[in-house]
Amino acid sequence: MADHDRERDVFDAVADPTRRRLIQLLSEAEELPLHELTVHFPMGRTAVSKHLAILKEAGLVQDRKVGRETRYRLNASPLREIQDWVSFYSKFWSASLLRLRQLLEEEGE
């Protein structure tokens, strides 16, 4: 799925702790059915399905039918957008902290 085809912002999708946990669980397995995901949460299958639908809209989850069961797998490529955003600010803070350290060392001399 191309980035421009996504219906939901990836930042919005990962803002919820339940969805972040789903991403983690899916990253640890090749593919998981809904009932195996649901046991990790204090909510029913319908609620977990809604969270998975949001992740799917953001392109983070793919699903496929196997008989009557739907299996889910992680598509981590949209997370690159978050990584790039965080990386920019990581560089900003590294440079700022380096300048602060230099200033403190100059004042200490």
N, C-alpha and C. Protein backbone atom coordinates (compact mmCIF):
# COMPACT_ATOMS: atom_id res chain seq x y z
N MET A 1 0.84 -1.17 0.00
CA MET A 1 0.00 0.00 0.00
C MET A 1 0.89 1.24 0.00
N ALA A 2 0.67 2.11 -0.93
CA ALA A 2 1.45 3.34 -1.01
C ALA A 2 1.07 4.28 0.12
N ASP A 3 2.04 5.12 0.52
CA ASP A 3 1.78 6.05 1.62
C ASP A 3 0.58 6.94 1.35
N HIS A 4 0.41 7.39 0.09
CA HIS A 4 -0.70 8.31 -0.20
C HIS A 4 -2.05 7.60 -0.19
N ASP A 5 -2.06 6.27 -0.18
CA ASP A 5 -3.32 5.53 -0.15
C ASP A 5 -3.83 5.30 1.27
N ARG A 6 -3.01 5.55 2.26
CA ARG A 6 -3.43 5.30 3.63
C ARG A 6 -4.55 6.24 4.03
N GLU A 7 -5.47 5.73 4.81
CA GLU A 7 -6.60 6.53 5.25
C GLU A 7 -6.35 7.19 6.61
N ARG A 8 -5.45 6.65 7.39
CA ARG A 8 -5.23 7.15 8.74
C ARG A 8 -3.75 7.48 8.92
N ASP A 9 -3.49 8.54 9.64
CA ASP A 9 -2.14 8.97 9.95
C ASP A 9 -1.46 7.95 10.85
N VAL A 10 -0.23 7.59 10.53
CA VAL A 10 0.49 6.59 11.31
C VAL A 10 0.72 7.07 12.75
N PHE A 11 0.92 8.37 12.94
CA PHE A 11 1.10 8.90 14.30
C PHE A 11 -0.18 8.72 15.12
N ASP A 12 -1.30 8.95 14.51
CA ASP A 12 -2.59 8.75 15.16
C ASP A 12 -2.76 7.27 15.52
N ALA A 13 -2.39 6.41 14.61
CA ALA A 13 -2.57 4.97 14.84
C ALA A 13 -1.74 4.46 16.02
N VAL A 14 -0.54 4.97 16.18
CA VAL A 14 0.32 4.47 17.27
C VAL A 14 0.17 5.26 18.56
N ALA A 15 -0.72 6.24 18.57
CA ALA A 15 -0.91 7.08 19.77
C ALA A 15 -1.53 6.31 20.92
N ASP A 16 -2.25 5.26 20.62
CA ASP A 16 -2.96 4.50 21.65
C ASP A 16 -2.10 3.35 22.17
N PRO A 17 -2.00 3.17 23.51
CA PRO A 17 -1.17 2.10 24.07
C PRO A 17 -1.62 0.70 23.65
N THR A 18 -2.90 0.50 23.46
CA THR A 18 -3.37 -0.82 23.02
C THR A 18 -2.85 -1.12 21.63
N ARG A 19 -2.86 -0.14 20.75
CA ARG A 19 -2.37 -0.36 19.40
C ARG A 19 -0.86 -0.55 19.38
N ARG A 20 -0.15 0.16 20.25
CA ARG A 20 1.30 -0.06 20.34
C ARG A 20 1.59 -1.48 20.81
N ARG A 21 0.80 -1.98 21.75
CA ARG A 21 0.98 -3.35 22.22
C ARG A 21 0.66 -4.35 21.10
N LEU A 22 -0.36 -4.09 20.31
CA LEU A 22 -0.68 -4.95 19.18
C LEU A 22 0.49 -4.99 18.19
N ILE A 23 1.08 -3.84 17.93
CA ILE A 23 2.24 -3.78 17.04
C ILE A 23 3.37 -4.63 17.61
N GLN A 24 3.60 -4.52 18.90
CA GLN A 24 4.65 -5.31 19.55
C GLN A 24 4.36 -6.81 19.40
N LEU A 25 3.15 -7.22 19.70
CA LEU A 25 2.80 -8.64 19.60
C LEU A 25 2.96 -9.15 18.17
N LEU A 26 2.54 -8.36 17.21
CA LEU A 26 2.67 -8.78 15.82
C LEU A 26 4.11 -8.78 15.35
N SER A 27 4.94 -7.93 15.94
CA SER A 27 6.35 -7.92 15.56
C SER A 27 7.08 -9.16 16.07
N GLU A 28 6.54 -9.78 17.09
CA GLU A 28 7.16 -10.96 17.68
C GLU A 28 6.70 -12.26 17.03
N ALA A 29 5.74 -12.18 16.14
CA ALA A 29 5.21 -13.37 15.47
C ALA A 29 5.05 -13.07 13.99
N GLU A 30 5.12 -14.09 13.18
CA GLU A 30 4.92 -13.88 11.75
C GLU A 30 3.49 -13.46 11.45
N GLU A 31 2.56 -14.12 12.14
CA GLU A 31 1.14 -13.89 11.89
C GLU A 31 0.35 -14.41 13.09
N LEU A 32 -0.70 -13.69 13.48
CA LEU A 32 -1.51 -14.12 14.61
C LEU A 32 -2.99 -13.96 14.31
N PRO A 33 -3.80 -14.92 14.72
CA PRO A 33 -5.25 -14.77 14.58
C PRO A 33 -5.79 -13.88 15.70
N LEU A 34 -6.98 -13.36 15.49
CA LEU A 34 -7.61 -12.46 16.44
C LEU A 34 -7.71 -13.06 17.84
N HIS A 35 -8.10 -14.31 17.96
CA HIS A 35 -8.29 -14.89 19.30
C HIS A 35 -6.98 -14.96 20.08
N GLU A 36 -5.84 -15.12 19.39
CA GLU A 36 -4.56 -15.14 20.09
C GLU A 36 -4.12 -13.73 20.51
N LEU A 37 -4.54 -12.73 19.78
CA LEU A 37 -4.24 -11.36 20.16
C LEU A 37 -5.12 -10.91 21.32
N THR A 38 -6.36 -11.29 21.29
CA THR A 38 -7.34 -10.84 22.29
C THR A 38 -6.97 -11.25 23.70
N VAL A 39 -6.34 -12.40 23.89
CA VAL A 39 -6.01 -12.87 25.24
C VAL A 39 -5.04 -11.94 25.97
N HIS A 40 -4.39 -11.06 25.25
CA HIS A 40 -3.41 -10.14 25.86
C HIS A 40 -4.02 -8.84 26.36
N PHE A 41 -5.35 -8.71 26.23
CA PHE A 41 -6.00 -7.44 26.57
C PHE A 41 -7.23 -7.65 27.44
N PRO A 42 -7.53 -6.67 28.30
CA PRO A 42 -8.73 -6.76 29.15
C PRO A 42 -9.96 -6.23 28.41
N MET A 43 -10.15 -6.67 27.18
CA MET A 43 -11.28 -6.24 26.37
C MET A 43 -11.67 -7.38 25.45
N GLY A 44 -12.82 -7.26 24.86
CA GLY A 44 -13.32 -8.31 24.00
C GLY A 44 -12.75 -8.26 22.59
N ARG A 45 -13.14 -9.26 21.81
CA ARG A 45 -12.67 -9.39 20.43
C ARG A 45 -13.09 -8.19 19.57
N THR A 46 -14.28 -7.67 19.81
CA THR A 46 -14.76 -6.55 19.01
C THR A 46 -13.87 -5.32 19.20
N ALA A 47 -13.51 -5.04 20.44
CA ALA A 47 -12.65 -3.89 20.72
C ALA A 47 -11.27 -4.07 20.11
N VAL A 48 -10.71 -5.26 20.24
CA VAL A 48 -9.40 -5.54 19.64
C VAL A 48 -9.50 -5.41 18.11
N SER A 49 -10.58 -5.91 17.54
CA SER A 49 -10.79 -5.79 16.09
C SER A 49 -10.82 -4.34 15.65
N LYS A 50 -11.43 -3.48 16.44
CA LYS A 50 -11.48 -2.06 16.10
C LYS A 50 -10.08 -1.44 16.10
N HIS A 51 -9.27 -1.82 17.08
CA HIS A 51 -7.89 -1.33 17.11
C HIS A 51 -7.10 -1.84 15.91
N LEU A 52 -7.30 -3.09 15.56
CA LEU A 52 -6.62 -3.66 14.39
C LEU A 52 -7.06 -2.95 13.11
N ALA A 53 -8.33 -2.58 13.03
CA ALA A 53 -8.84 -1.87 11.85
C ALA A 53 -8.15 -0.51 11.70
N ILE A 54 -7.92 0.17 12.81
CA ILE A 54 -7.22 1.46 12.77
C ILE A 54 -5.78 1.27 12.30
N LEU A 55 -5.13 0.23 12.82
CA LEU A 55 -3.76 -0.06 12.37
C LEU A 55 -3.75 -0.43 10.89
N LYS A 56 -4.76 -1.14 10.45
CA LYS A 56 -4.86 -1.52 9.04
C LYS A 56 -5.05 -0.28 8.16
N GLU A 57 -5.89 0.66 8.60
CA GLU A 57 -6.11 1.90 7.86
C GLU A 57 -4.83 2.71 7.70
N ALA A 58 -3.94 2.60 8.68
CA ALA A 58 -2.66 3.31 8.63
C ALA A 58 -1.61 2.53 7.86
N GLY A 59 -1.97 1.34 7.39
CA GLY A 59 -1.03 0.53 6.63
C GLY A 59 -0.08 -0.28 7.49
N LEU A 60 -0.30 -0.28 8.81
CA LEU A 60 0.61 -0.98 9.73
C LEU A 60 0.29 -2.46 9.88
N VAL A 61 -0.90 -2.86 9.52
CA VAL A 61 -1.32 -4.26 9.68
C VAL A 61 -1.95 -4.73 8.37
N GLN A 62 -1.63 -5.94 8.02
CA GLN A 62 -2.26 -6.61 6.89
C GLN A 62 -3.00 -7.82 7.43
N ASP A 63 -4.08 -8.20 6.77
CA ASP A 63 -4.81 -9.37 7.23
C ASP A 63 -5.10 -10.29 6.05
N ARG A 64 -5.39 -11.54 6.38
CA ARG A 64 -5.79 -12.51 5.36
C ARG A 64 -6.70 -13.53 6.01
N LYS A 65 -7.62 -14.01 5.23
CA LYS A 65 -8.57 -15.02 5.71
C LYS A 65 -7.96 -16.41 5.52
N VAL A 66 -8.09 -17.22 6.55
CA VAL A 66 -7.72 -18.62 6.49
C VAL A 66 -8.94 -19.38 7.02
N GLY A 67 -9.76 -19.87 6.12
CA GLY A 67 -11.02 -20.47 6.52
C GLY A 67 -11.92 -19.40 7.12
N ARG A 68 -12.40 -19.65 8.33
CA ARG A 68 -13.26 -18.67 9.02
C ARG A 68 -12.45 -17.70 9.87
N GLU A 69 -11.15 -17.87 9.91
CA GLU A 69 -10.28 -17.09 10.78
C GLU A 69 -9.57 -16.00 9.99
N THR A 70 -9.40 -14.85 10.63
CA THR A 70 -8.60 -13.78 10.04
C THR A 70 -7.28 -13.73 10.78
N ARG A 71 -6.21 -13.73 10.04
CA ARG A 71 -4.87 -13.65 10.62
C ARG A 71 -4.26 -12.30 10.27
N TYR A 72 -3.51 -11.78 11.24
CA TYR A 72 -2.94 -10.45 11.11
C TYR A 72 -1.42 -10.52 11.14
N ARG A 73 -0.82 -9.63 10.36
CA ARG A 73 0.64 -9.52 10.37
C ARG A 73 1.04 -8.06 10.31
N LEU A 74 2.21 -7.77 10.83
CA LEU A 74 2.71 -6.40 10.89
C LEU A 74 3.32 -6.00 9.55
N ASN A 75 3.05 -4.80 9.13
CA ASN A 75 3.75 -4.16 8.02
C ASN A 75 4.44 -2.95 8.63
N ALA A 76 5.70 -3.09 8.97
CA ALA A 76 6.41 -2.06 9.74
C ALA A 76 6.86 -0.87 8.90
N SER A 77 6.78 -0.95 7.59
CA SER A 77 7.33 0.14 6.76
C SER A 77 6.74 1.52 7.06
N PRO A 78 5.43 1.66 7.38
CA PRO A 78 4.95 3.00 7.73
C PRO A 78 5.58 3.58 9.00
N LEU A 79 6.17 2.74 9.83
CA LEU A 79 6.83 3.24 11.04
C LEU A 79 8.07 4.07 10.70
N ARG A 80 8.55 3.95 9.46
CA ARG A 80 9.71 4.74 9.02
C ARG A 80 9.41 6.24 9.16
N GLU A 81 8.17 6.63 8.90
CA GLU A 81 7.78 8.04 9.03
C GLU A 81 8.01 8.53 10.46
N ILE A 82 7.67 7.71 11.44
CA ILE A 82 7.89 8.07 12.85
C ILE A 82 9.38 8.09 13.16
N GLN A 83 10.09 7.10 12.66
CA GLN A 83 11.53 7.04 12.90
C GLN A 83 12.23 8.29 12.33
N ASP A 84 11.84 8.70 11.14
CA ASP A 84 12.44 9.88 10.53
C ASP A 84 12.14 11.14 11.34
N TRP A 85 10.91 11.26 11.83
CA TRP A 85 10.53 12.42 12.62
C TRP A 85 11.31 12.47 13.93
N VAL A 86 11.39 11.34 14.61
CA VAL A 86 12.12 11.27 15.88
C VAL A 86 13.61 11.50 15.65
N SER A 87 14.13 10.98 14.55
CA SER A 87 15.55 11.15 14.23
C SER A 87 15.91 12.63 14.09
N PHE A 88 15.03 13.39 13.45
CA PHE A 88 15.29 14.83 13.30
C PHE A 88 15.44 15.49 14.67
N TYR A 89 14.53 15.19 15.58
CA TYR A 89 14.57 15.82 16.89
C TYR A 89 15.68 15.24 17.76
N SER A 90 16.06 14.03 17.52
CA SER A 90 17.19 13.45 18.23
C SER A 90 18.47 14.21 17.88
N LYS A 91 18.63 14.53 16.61
CA LYS A 91 19.79 15.33 16.19
C LYS A 91 19.74 16.72 16.82
N PHE A 92 18.54 17.30 16.87
CA PHE A 92 18.37 18.62 17.48
C PHE A 92 18.80 18.60 18.94
N TRP A 93 18.32 17.60 19.70
CA TRP A 93 18.65 17.54 21.12
C TRP A 93 20.11 17.21 21.34
N SER A 94 20.68 16.38 20.52
CA SER A 94 22.11 16.06 20.66
C SER A 94 22.95 17.31 20.47
N ALA A 95 22.63 18.09 19.45
CA ALA A 95 23.37 19.33 19.21
C ALA A 95 23.15 20.33 20.34
N SER A 96 21.93 20.44 20.82
CA SER A 96 21.63 21.38 21.91
C SER A 96 22.36 20.98 23.19
N LEU A 97 22.36 19.70 23.49
CA LEU A 97 23.03 19.24 24.70
C LEU A 97 24.55 19.39 24.59
N LEU A 98 25.09 19.21 23.40
CA LEU A 98 26.52 19.42 23.20
C LEU A 98 26.87 20.89 23.44
N ARG A 99 26.04 21.80 22.91
CA ARG A 99 26.29 23.23 23.14
C ARG A 99 26.19 23.57 24.63
N LEU A 100 25.21 22.98 25.32
CA LEU A 100 25.06 23.23 26.75
C LEU A 100 26.29 22.74 27.50
N ARG A 101 26.76 21.55 27.16
CA ARG A 101 27.94 21.01 27.85
C ARG A 101 29.16 21.91 27.62
N GLN A 102 29.33 22.40 26.39
CA GLN A 102 30.44 23.28 26.10
C GLN A 102 30.33 24.57 26.90
N LEU A 103 29.14 25.10 27.01
CA LEU A 103 28.91 26.34 27.77
C LEU A 103 29.24 26.12 29.24
N LEU A 104 28.78 24.99 29.79
CA LEU A 104 29.05 24.70 31.21
C LEU A 104 30.54 24.49 31.46
N GLU A 105 31.21 23.85 30.53
CA GLU A 105 32.66 23.66 30.69
C GLU A 105 33.40 24.98 30.62
N GLU A 106 32.96 25.88 29.75
CA GLU A 106 33.59 27.21 29.65
C GLU A 106 33.37 28.01 30.92
N GLU A 107 32.19 27.92 31.51
CA GLU A 107 31.90 28.64 32.75
C GLU A 107 32.67 28.06 33.92
N GLY A 108 32.94 26.74 33.87
CA GLY A 108 33.67 26.09 34.96
C GLY A 108 35.16 26.36 34.94
N GLU A 109 35.69 26.85 33.83
CA GLU A 109 37.14 27.10 33.73
C GLU A 109 37.57 28.37 34.39
